[in-house]
Amino acid sequence: MRAYIRLELRRLVRSPGMLILTVVMPLLSYLLFTNIPGLTGQERDVAATYAMVSMAGYGAVGALLNYASGVVVDRSIGWMRQLRLTPLSPVRVVVGKGLAAMATAVVPVTALCAAAVAVNGVRLDAGQWLAVVPLLWLGAAPFALLGLGMGYLATAQTVQPLNLLVYLGMSVAGGLWLPLEALPGWVAAPGRWLPTHAYADMSWQVAFGGAPTVADVATLAAWTAAFTALAVAGFRRSVRGTVSL
């Protein structure tokens, strides 16, 4: 599987363009909305820290969904059928692609955290940084599996609209754009159980002096299991040539 991961990483290096949108847009949004006088109120430091986590998570999730759902191209050129002929099992193919996808999440996370420190003066303890950055990176792993599942099941015509709908829907309802407290109750109530909220809330908790809650960890673990099953089922269906979306 290591050879397969190296191959995927080389393919990623050759196509860096897709990372631009998932870094530039969250970064510009962060810098804009945390530096407009009066928008963040008197608690500017709190808002800058909160938005750092939100936008870093937003960028990481977008990078993973975009890269992972790109397997629809692999299917169109017959790459998935070739993989079926190798000793790699469906689970190992999914895991290998997911691990390679994780490299895309590093860029938005580090860019947003660096901007928060350099521009907005965000200050965390060393221990907090050592927890927040890995949580923002590794905690996004379930979304790589979700992207793979959509890429394996969708068609070239439907994957981008589906990807955008899931990405924006989970980001808004999960509190990455606005705190859940600012959203209508009918959105905030189910939003607390979305993977986007559990993922970001772990880092919010640490950034403000707490620790990830059991509920967040359990929620993200449950979604991870569901997305893994979706990705594996999608891979098996794709190599049989059956597309459902």
C-alpha atoms as a PDB file:
ATOM      1  CA  MET A   1       0.000   0.000   0.000  1.00  0.00           C
ATOM      2  CA  ARG A   2       2.948   2.358   0.551  1.00  0.00           C
ATOM      3  CA  ALA A   3       3.760   2.313  -3.156  1.00  0.00           C
ATOM      4  CA  TYR A   4       0.154   3.221  -3.932  1.00  0.00           C
ATOM      5  CA  ILE A   5       0.247   6.147  -1.465  1.00  0.00           C
ATOM      6  CA  ARG A   6       3.513   7.412  -2.988  1.00  0.00           C
ATOM      7  CA  LEU A   7       1.923   7.281  -6.418  1.00  0.00           C
ATOM      8  CA  GLU A   8      -1.083   9.289  -5.234  1.00  0.00           C
ATOM      9  CA  LEU A   9       1.183  11.882  -3.604  1.00  0.00           C
ATOM     10  CA  ARG A  10       3.109  12.310  -6.853  1.00  0.00           C
ATOM     11  CA  ARG A  11      -0.167  12.863  -8.674  1.00  0.00           C
ATOM     12  CA  LEU A  12      -1.104  15.483  -6.091  1.00  0.00           C
ATOM     13  CA  VAL A  13       2.155  17.382  -6.538  1.00  0.00           C
ATOM     14  CA  ARG A  14       1.560  17.550 -10.278  1.00  0.00           C
ATOM     15  CA  SER A  15      -1.847  19.212  -9.821  1.00  0.00           C
ATOM     16  CA  PRO A  16      -1.525  21.881  -7.106  1.00  0.00           C
ATOM     17  CA  GLY A  17      -4.190  24.128  -8.612  1.00  0.00           C
ATOM     18  CA  MET A  18      -7.066  22.638  -6.659  1.00  0.00           C
ATOM     19  CA  LEU A  19      -5.443  23.675  -3.370  1.00  0.00           C
ATOM     20  CA  ILE A  20      -5.568  27.355  -4.273  1.00  0.00           C
ATOM     21  CA  LEU A  21      -9.310  27.763  -3.794  1.00  0.00           C
ATOM     22  CA  THR A  22      -9.359  25.822  -0.540  1.00  0.00           C
ATOM     23  CA  VAL A  23      -6.590  28.035   0.865  1.00  0.00           C
ATOM     24  CA  VAL A  24      -7.201  31.464  -0.658  1.00  0.00           C
ATOM     25  CA  MET A  25     -10.949  31.695  -0.014  1.00  0.00           C
ATOM     26  CA  PRO A  26     -10.873  30.721   3.687  1.00  0.00           C
ATOM     27  CA  LEU A  27      -7.788  32.881   4.220  1.00  0.00           C
ATOM     28  CA  LEU A  28      -9.325  35.971   2.599  1.00  0.00           C
ATOM     29  CA  SER A  29     -12.587  35.423   4.478  1.00  0.00           C
ATOM     30  CA  TYR A  30     -10.724  35.137   7.756  1.00  0.00           C
ATOM     31  CA  LEU A  31      -8.646  38.263   7.224  1.00  0.00           C
ATOM     32  CA  LEU A  32     -11.621  40.268   6.006  1.00  0.00           C
ATOM     33  CA  PHE A  33     -14.150  39.462   8.689  1.00  0.00           C
ATOM     34  CA  THR A  34     -11.721  39.677  11.593  1.00  0.00           C
ATOM     35  CA  ASN A  35     -10.385  43.070  10.548  1.00  0.00           C
ATOM     36  CA  ILE A  36     -13.523  45.055   9.789  1.00  0.00           C
ATOM     37  CA  PRO A  37     -13.963  47.597  12.620  1.00  0.00           C
ATOM     38  CA  GLY A  38     -17.065  46.931  14.653  1.00  0.00           C
ATOM     39  CA  LEU A  39     -17.881  43.589  13.061  1.00  0.00           C
ATOM     40  CA  THR A  40     -16.352  41.475  15.794  1.00  0.00           C
ATOM     41  CA  GLY A  41     -17.271  43.780  18.687  1.00  0.00           C
ATOM     42  CA  GLN A  42     -15.065  44.299  21.710  1.00  0.00           C
ATOM     43  CA  GLU A  43     -13.996  40.650  21.861  1.00  0.00           C
ATOM     44  CA  ARG A  44     -11.798  40.832  18.796  1.00  0.00           C
ATOM     45  CA  ASP A  45      -9.188  38.442  20.205  1.00  0.00           C
ATOM     46  CA  VAL A  46     -11.844  35.858  20.930  1.00  0.00           C
ATOM     47  CA  ALA A  47     -13.360  36.277  17.466  1.00  0.00           C
ATOM     48  CA  ALA A  48      -9.944  35.985  15.800  1.00  0.00           C
ATOM     49  CA  THR A  49      -9.223  32.715  17.605  1.00  0.00           C
ATOM     50  CA  TYR A  50     -12.686  31.307  17.007  1.00  0.00           C
ATOM     51  CA  ALA A  51     -12.616  32.215  13.305  1.00  0.00           C
ATOM     52  CA  MET A  52      -9.101  30.790  12.926  1.00  0.00           C
ATOM     53  CA  VAL A  53     -10.421  27.361  13.849  1.00  0.00           C
ATOM     54  CA  SER A  54     -13.573  27.814  11.756  1.00  0.00           C
ATOM     55  CA  MET A  55     -11.821  28.863   8.579  1.00  0.00           C
ATOM     56  CA  ALA A  56      -8.925  26.426   8.951  1.00  0.00           C
ATOM     57  CA  GLY A  57     -11.479  23.656   9.324  1.00  0.00           C
ATOM     58  CA  TYR A  58     -13.505  24.990   6.413  1.00  0.00           C
ATOM     59  CA  GLY A  59     -10.414  24.961   4.188  1.00  0.00           C
ATOM     60  CA  ALA A  60      -9.309  21.507   5.309  1.00  0.00           C
ATOM     61  CA  VAL A  61     -12.732  19.975   4.723  1.00  0.00           C
ATOM     62  CA  GLY A  62     -12.946  21.578   1.284  1.00  0.00           C
ATOM     63  CA  ALA A  63      -9.481  20.382   0.293  1.00  0.00           C
ATOM     64  CA  LEU A  64     -10.260  16.811   1.316  1.00  0.00           C
ATOM     65  CA  LEU A  65     -13.656  16.675  -0.364  1.00  0.00           C
ATOM     66  CA  ASN A  66     -12.305  18.164  -3.594  1.00  0.00           C
ATOM     67  CA  TYR A  67      -9.311  15.852  -3.804  1.00  0.00           C
ATOM     68  CA  ALA A  68     -11.035  12.677  -2.697  1.00  0.00           C
ATOM     69  CA  SER A  69     -14.092  13.118  -4.900  1.00  0.00           C
ATOM     70  CA  GLY A  70     -11.683  13.408  -7.842  1.00  0.00           C
ATOM     71  CA  VAL A  71     -11.682   9.613  -7.995  1.00  0.00           C
ATOM     72  CA  VAL A  72     -14.551  10.045 -10.426  1.00  0.00           C
ATOM     73  CA  VAL A  73     -11.837  10.888 -12.976  1.00  0.00           C
ATOM     74  CA  ASP A  74      -9.954   7.708 -12.053  1.00  0.00           C
ATOM     75  CA  ARG A  75     -13.087   5.756 -12.794  1.00  0.00           C
ATOM     76  CA  SER A  76     -13.575   7.411 -16.171  1.00  0.00           C
ATOM     77  CA  ILE A  77     -10.069   6.470 -17.329  1.00  0.00           C
ATOM     78  CA  GLY A  78     -10.295   2.895 -16.077  1.00  0.00           C
ATOM     79  CA  TRP A  79      -7.858   3.299 -13.180  1.00  0.00           C
ATOM     80  CA  MET A  80     -10.246   1.714 -10.697  1.00  0.00           C
ATOM     81  CA  ARG A  81     -10.488  -1.461 -12.767  1.00  0.00           C
ATOM     82  CA  GLN A  82      -6.704  -1.634 -12.901  1.00  0.00           C
ATOM     83  CA  LEU A  83      -6.531  -1.372  -9.114  1.00  0.00           C
ATOM     84  CA  ARG A  84      -9.009  -4.221  -8.872  1.00  0.00           C
ATOM     85  CA  LEU A  85      -6.420  -6.438 -10.588  1.00  0.00           C
ATOM     86  CA  THR A  86      -3.771  -5.663  -7.962  1.00  0.00           C
ATOM     87  CA  PRO A  87      -3.425  -7.452  -4.589  1.00  0.00           C
ATOM     88  CA  LEU A  88      -4.854  -4.366  -2.870  1.00  0.00           C
ATOM     89  CA  SER A  89      -8.192  -5.012  -1.166  1.00  0.00           C
ATOM     90  CA  PRO A  90     -11.026  -2.445  -1.467  1.00  0.00           C
ATOM     91  CA  VAL A  91     -10.413  -1.323   2.114  1.00  0.00           C
ATOM     92  CA  ARG A  92      -6.700  -0.762   1.467  1.00  0.00           C
ATOM     93  CA  VAL A  93      -7.399   1.163  -1.724  1.00  0.00           C
ATOM     94  CA  VAL A  94      -9.816   3.429   0.157  1.00  0.00           C
ATOM     95  CA  VAL A  95      -7.448   3.894   3.085  1.00  0.00           C
ATOM     96  CA  GLY A  96      -4.469   4.558   0.798  1.00  0.00           C
ATOM     97  CA  LYS A  97      -6.367   7.193  -1.181  1.00  0.00           C
ATOM     98  CA  GLY A  98      -7.606   8.725   2.052  1.00  0.00           C
ATOM     99  CA  LEU A  99      -4.117   8.945   3.522  1.00  0.00           C
ATOM    100  CA  ALA A 100      -2.824  10.628   0.388  1.00  0.00           C
ATOM    101  CA  ALA A 101      -5.734  13.063   0.560  1.00  0.00           C
ATOM    102  CA  MET A 102      -4.705  14.067   4.076  1.00  0.00           C
ATOM    103  CA  ALA A 103      -1.700  15.856   2.603  1.00  0.00           C
ATOM    104  CA  THR A 104      -4.079  18.413   1.084  1.00  0.00           C
ATOM    105  CA  ALA A 105      -5.470  19.395   4.485  1.00  0.00           C
ATOM    106  CA  VAL A 106      -2.081  20.458   5.825  1.00  0.00           C
ATOM    107  CA  VAL A 107      -1.899  23.559   3.634  1.00  0.00           C
ATOM    108  CA  PRO A 108      -5.089  25.401   4.694  1.00  0.00           C
ATOM    109  CA  VAL A 109      -4.563  24.526   8.346  1.00  0.00           C
ATOM    110  CA  THR A 110      -1.014  25.871   8.492  1.00  0.00           C
ATOM    111  CA  ALA A 111      -1.870  28.916   6.344  1.00  0.00           C
ATOM    112  CA  LEU A 112      -4.794  29.971   8.539  1.00  0.00           C
ATOM    113  CA  CYS A 113      -2.931  29.413  11.800  1.00  0.00           C
ATOM    114  CA  ALA A 114       0.078  31.364  10.505  1.00  0.00           C
ATOM    115  CA  ALA A 115      -2.152  34.239   9.378  1.00  0.00           C
ATOM    116  CA  ALA A 116      -3.931  34.287  12.721  1.00  0.00           C
ATOM    117  CA  VAL A 117      -0.620  34.726  14.518  1.00  0.00           C
ATOM    118  CA  ALA A 118       1.012  37.135  12.073  1.00  0.00           C
ATOM    119  CA  VAL A 119      -1.947  39.394  11.296  1.00  0.00           C
ATOM    120  CA  ASN A 120      -4.358  39.106  14.210  1.00  0.00           C
ATOM    121  CA  GLY A 121      -1.894  38.367  16.977  1.00  0.00           C
ATOM    122  CA  VAL A 122      -3.585  35.156  18.102  1.00  0.00           C
ATOM    123  CA  ARG A 123      -1.648  33.687  21.003  1.00  0.00           C
ATOM    124  CA  LEU A 124      -2.043  30.188  22.382  1.00  0.00           C
ATOM    125  CA  ASP A 125       0.112  28.238  24.786  1.00  0.00           C
ATOM    126  CA  ALA A 126       2.579  25.804  23.252  1.00  0.00           C
ATOM    127  CA  GLY A 127       0.478  22.907  24.478  1.00  0.00           C
ATOM    128  CA  GLN A 128      -2.622  24.379  22.885  1.00  0.00           C
ATOM    129  CA  TRP A 129      -0.899  24.781  19.518  1.00  0.00           C
ATOM    130  CA  LEU A 130       0.407  21.215  19.759  1.00  0.00           C
ATOM    131  CA  ALA A 131      -3.178  20.050  20.174  1.00  0.00           C
ATOM    132  CA  VAL A 132      -5.105  22.444  17.919  1.00  0.00           C
ATOM    133  CA  VAL A 133      -3.019  22.014  14.760  1.00  0.00           C
ATOM    134  CA  PRO A 134      -3.075  18.171  14.797  1.00  0.00           C
ATOM    135  CA  LEU A 135      -6.774  18.195  15.667  1.00  0.00           C
ATOM    136  CA  LEU A 136      -7.551  20.465  12.727  1.00  0.00           C
ATOM    137  CA  TRP A 137      -5.481  18.276  10.425  1.00  0.00           C
ATOM    138  CA  LEU A 138      -6.094  14.708  11.572  1.00  0.00           C
ATOM    139  CA  GLY A 139      -9.619  15.425  12.736  1.00  0.00           C
ATOM    140  CA  ALA A 140     -10.587  16.177   9.144  1.00  0.00           C
ATOM    141  CA  ALA A 141      -9.866  12.598   8.029  1.00  0.00           C
ATOM    142  CA  PRO A 142     -13.541  11.536   7.940  1.00  0.00           C
ATOM    143  CA  PHE A 143     -14.179  14.050   5.166  1.00  0.00           C
ATOM    144  CA  ALA A 144     -11.605  12.376   2.956  1.00  0.00           C
ATOM    145  CA  LEU A 145     -13.638   9.193   3.284  1.00  0.00           C
ATOM    146  CA  LEU A 146     -16.844  11.088   2.537  1.00  0.00           C
ATOM    147  CA  GLY A 147     -15.268  12.580  -0.571  1.00  0.00           C
ATOM    148  CA  LEU A 148     -14.149   9.150  -1.705  1.00  0.00           C
ATOM    149  CA  GLY A 149     -17.623   7.756  -1.217  1.00  0.00           C
ATOM    150  CA  MET A 150     -19.163  10.507  -3.332  1.00  0.00           C
ATOM    151  CA  GLY A 151     -16.467  10.187  -5.974  1.00  0.00           C
ATOM    152  CA  TYR A 152     -16.962   6.449  -6.286  1.00  0.00           C
ATOM    153  CA  LEU A 153     -20.758   6.662  -6.486  1.00  0.00           C
ATOM    154  CA  ALA A 154     -21.386   9.853  -8.466  1.00  0.00           C
ATOM    155  CA  THR A 155     -20.910  10.568 -12.136  1.00  0.00           C
ATOM    156  CA  ALA A 156     -18.623  13.178 -13.660  1.00  0.00           C
ATOM    157  CA  GLN A 157     -21.692  15.403 -14.190  1.00  0.00           C
ATOM    158  CA  THR A 158     -23.106  15.103 -10.656  1.00  0.00           C
ATOM    159  CA  VAL A 159     -20.023  14.904  -8.435  1.00  0.00           C
ATOM    160  CA  GLN A 160     -19.270  18.645  -8.311  1.00  0.00           C
ATOM    161  CA  PRO A 161     -22.843  19.792  -7.525  1.00  0.00           C
ATOM    162  CA  LEU A 162     -23.128  17.015  -4.944  1.00  0.00           C
ATOM    163  CA  ASN A 163     -19.760  17.910  -3.466  1.00  0.00           C
ATOM    164  CA  LEU A 164     -20.664  21.607  -3.227  1.00  0.00           C
ATOM    165  CA  LEU A 165     -24.058  20.886  -1.692  1.00  0.00           C
ATOM    166  CA  VAL A 166     -22.587  18.629   0.998  1.00  0.00           C
ATOM    167  CA  TYR A 167     -19.619  20.947   1.638  1.00  0.00           C
ATOM    168  CA  LEU A 168     -21.631  24.145   2.040  1.00  0.00           C
ATOM    169  CA  GLY A 169     -24.515  22.458   3.833  1.00  0.00           C
ATOM    170  CA  MET A 170     -22.331  20.818   6.459  1.00  0.00           C
ATOM    171  CA  SER A 171     -20.176  23.928   6.844  1.00  0.00           C
ATOM    172  CA  VAL A 172     -23.098  26.284   7.439  1.00  0.00           C
ATOM    173  CA  ALA A 173     -25.222  23.950   9.569  1.00  0.00           C
ATOM    174  CA  GLY A 174     -22.153  22.721  11.469  1.00  0.00           C
ATOM    175  CA  GLY A 175     -21.177  26.219  12.605  1.00  0.00           C
ATOM    176  CA  LEU A 176     -18.086  26.844  10.496  1.00  0.00           C
ATOM    177  CA  TRP A 177     -19.475  30.066   9.025  1.00  0.00           C
ATOM    178  CA  LEU A 178     -21.400  31.329  12.041  1.00  0.00           C
ATOM    179  CA  PRO A 179     -21.635  30.030  15.621  1.00  0.00           C
ATOM    180  CA  LEU A 180     -24.581  27.702  16.111  1.00  0.00           C
ATOM    181  CA  GLU A 181     -25.996  30.188  18.614  1.00  0.00           C
ATOM    182  CA  ALA A 182     -26.438  32.675  15.767  1.00  0.00           C
ATOM    183  CA  LEU A 183     -28.368  30.201  13.605  1.00  0.00           C
ATOM    184  CA  PRO A 184     -32.100  29.431  13.751  1.00  0.00           C
ATOM    185  CA  GLY A 185     -32.971  26.694  16.205  1.00  0.00           C
ATOM    186  CA  TRP A 186     -34.158  24.337  13.479  1.00  0.00           C
ATOM    187  CA  VAL A 187     -30.656  24.524  11.959  1.00  0.00           C
ATOM    188  CA  ALA A 188     -28.609  24.599  15.169  1.00  0.00           C
ATOM    189  CA  ALA A 189     -30.290  21.594  16.800  1.00  0.00           C
ATOM    190  CA  PRO A 190     -29.314  18.997  14.176  1.00  0.00           C
ATOM    191  CA  GLY A 191     -26.126  20.956  13.418  1.00  0.00           C
ATOM    192  CA  ARG A 192     -24.663  19.929  16.775  1.00  0.00           C
ATOM    193  CA  TRP A 193     -24.561  16.333  15.581  1.00  0.00           C
ATOM    194  CA  LEU A 194     -22.912  16.982  12.245  1.00  0.00           C
ATOM    195  CA  PRO A 195     -19.295  15.881  11.767  1.00  0.00           C
ATOM    196  CA  THR A 196     -18.251  19.425  10.866  1.00  0.00           C
ATOM    197  CA  HIS A 197     -19.347  20.746  14.254  1.00  0.00           C
ATOM    198  CA  ALA A 198     -17.806  17.893  16.248  1.00  0.00           C
ATOM    199  CA  TYR A 199     -14.570  18.288  14.285  1.00  0.00           C
ATOM    200  CA  ALA A 200     -14.271  22.048  14.820  1.00  0.00           C
ATOM    201  CA  ASP A 201     -15.571  21.994  18.390  1.00  0.00           C
ATOM    202  CA  MET A 202     -12.671  19.806  19.519  1.00  0.00           C
ATOM    203  CA  SER A 203     -10.257  22.556  18.486  1.00  0.00           C
ATOM    204  CA  TRP A 204     -12.479  25.356  19.805  1.00  0.00           C
ATOM    205  CA  GLN A 205     -12.510  23.654  23.188  1.00  0.00           C
ATOM    206  CA  VAL A 206      -8.718  23.410  23.305  1.00  0.00           C
ATOM    207  CA  ALA A 207      -8.158  26.933  21.951  1.00  0.00           C
ATOM    208  CA  PHE A 208     -10.251  28.386  24.782  1.00  0.00           C
ATOM    209  CA  GLY A 209      -8.657  26.396  27.562  1.00  0.00           C
ATOM    210  CA  GLY A 210     -10.768  23.254  27.622  1.00  0.00           C
ATOM    211  CA  ALA A 211     -10.501  19.749  26.195  1.00  0.00           C
ATOM    212  CA  PRO A 212     -12.380  17.823  23.500  1.00  0.00           C
ATOM    213  CA  THR A 213     -15.649  16.494  24.850  1.00  0.00           C
ATOM    214  CA  VAL A 214     -16.671  12.857  24.845  1.00  0.00           C
ATOM    215  CA  ALA A 215     -19.721  13.785  22.757  1.00  0.00           C
ATOM    216  CA  ASP A 216     -17.575  15.375  20.038  1.00  0.00           C
ATOM    217  CA  VAL A 217     -15.180  12.437  19.898  1.00  0.00           C
ATOM    218  CA  ALA A 218     -18.016   9.907  19.812  1.00  0.00           C
ATOM    219  CA  THR A 219     -19.902  11.865  17.143  1.00  0.00           C
ATOM    220  CA  LEU A 220     -16.868  12.133  14.898  1.00  0.00           C
ATOM    221  CA  ALA A 221     -16.035   8.460  15.412  1.00  0.00           C
ATOM    222  CA  ALA A 222     -19.558   7.433  14.427  1.00  0.00           C
ATOM    223  CA  TRP A 223     -19.451   9.547  11.265  1.00  0.00           C
ATOM    224  CA  THR A 224     -16.002   8.163  10.448  1.00  0.00           C
ATOM    225  CA  ALA A 225     -17.357   4.613  10.582  1.00  0.00           C
ATOM    226  CA  ALA A 226     -20.301   5.595   8.366  1.00  0.00           C
ATOM    227  CA  PHE A 227     -18.100   7.375   5.806  1.00  0.00           C
ATOM    228  CA  THR A 228     -15.678   4.435   5.740  1.00  0.00           C
ATOM    229  CA  ALA A 229     -18.526   2.061   4.956  1.00  0.00           C
ATOM    230  CA  LEU A 230     -19.770   4.451   2.251  1.00  0.00           C
ATOM    231  CA  ALA A 231     -16.316   4.706   0.644  1.00  0.00           C
ATOM    232  CA  VAL A 232     -15.730   0.941   0.644  1.00  0.00           C
ATOM    233  CA  ALA A 233     -19.219   0.252  -0.730  1.00  0.00           C
ATOM    234  CA  GLY A 234     -18.691   2.919  -3.366  1.00  0.00           C
ATOM    235  CA  PHE A 235     -15.369   1.438  -4.443  1.00  0.00           C
ATOM    236  CA  ARG A 236     -16.859  -2.025  -4.797  1.00  0.00           C
ATOM    237  CA  ARG A 237     -19.776  -0.697  -6.825  1.00  0.00           C
ATOM    238  CA  SER A 238     -17.554   1.445  -9.030  1.00  0.00           C
ATOM    239  CA  VAL A 239     -15.359  -1.460 -10.125  1.00  0.00           C
ATOM    240  CA  ARG A 240     -18.480  -3.357 -11.067  1.00  0.00           C
ATOM    241  CA  GLY A 241     -19.442  -0.462 -13.312  1.00  0.00           C
ATOM    242  CA  THR A 242     -22.630   0.427 -11.424  1.00  0.00           C
ATOM    243  CA  VAL A 243     -23.238   4.085 -10.663  1.00  0.00           C
ATOM    244  CA  SER A 244     -26.145   5.197  -8.496  1.00  0.00           C
ATOM    245  CA  LEU A 245     -25.885   8.993  -8.405  1.00  0.00           C
END
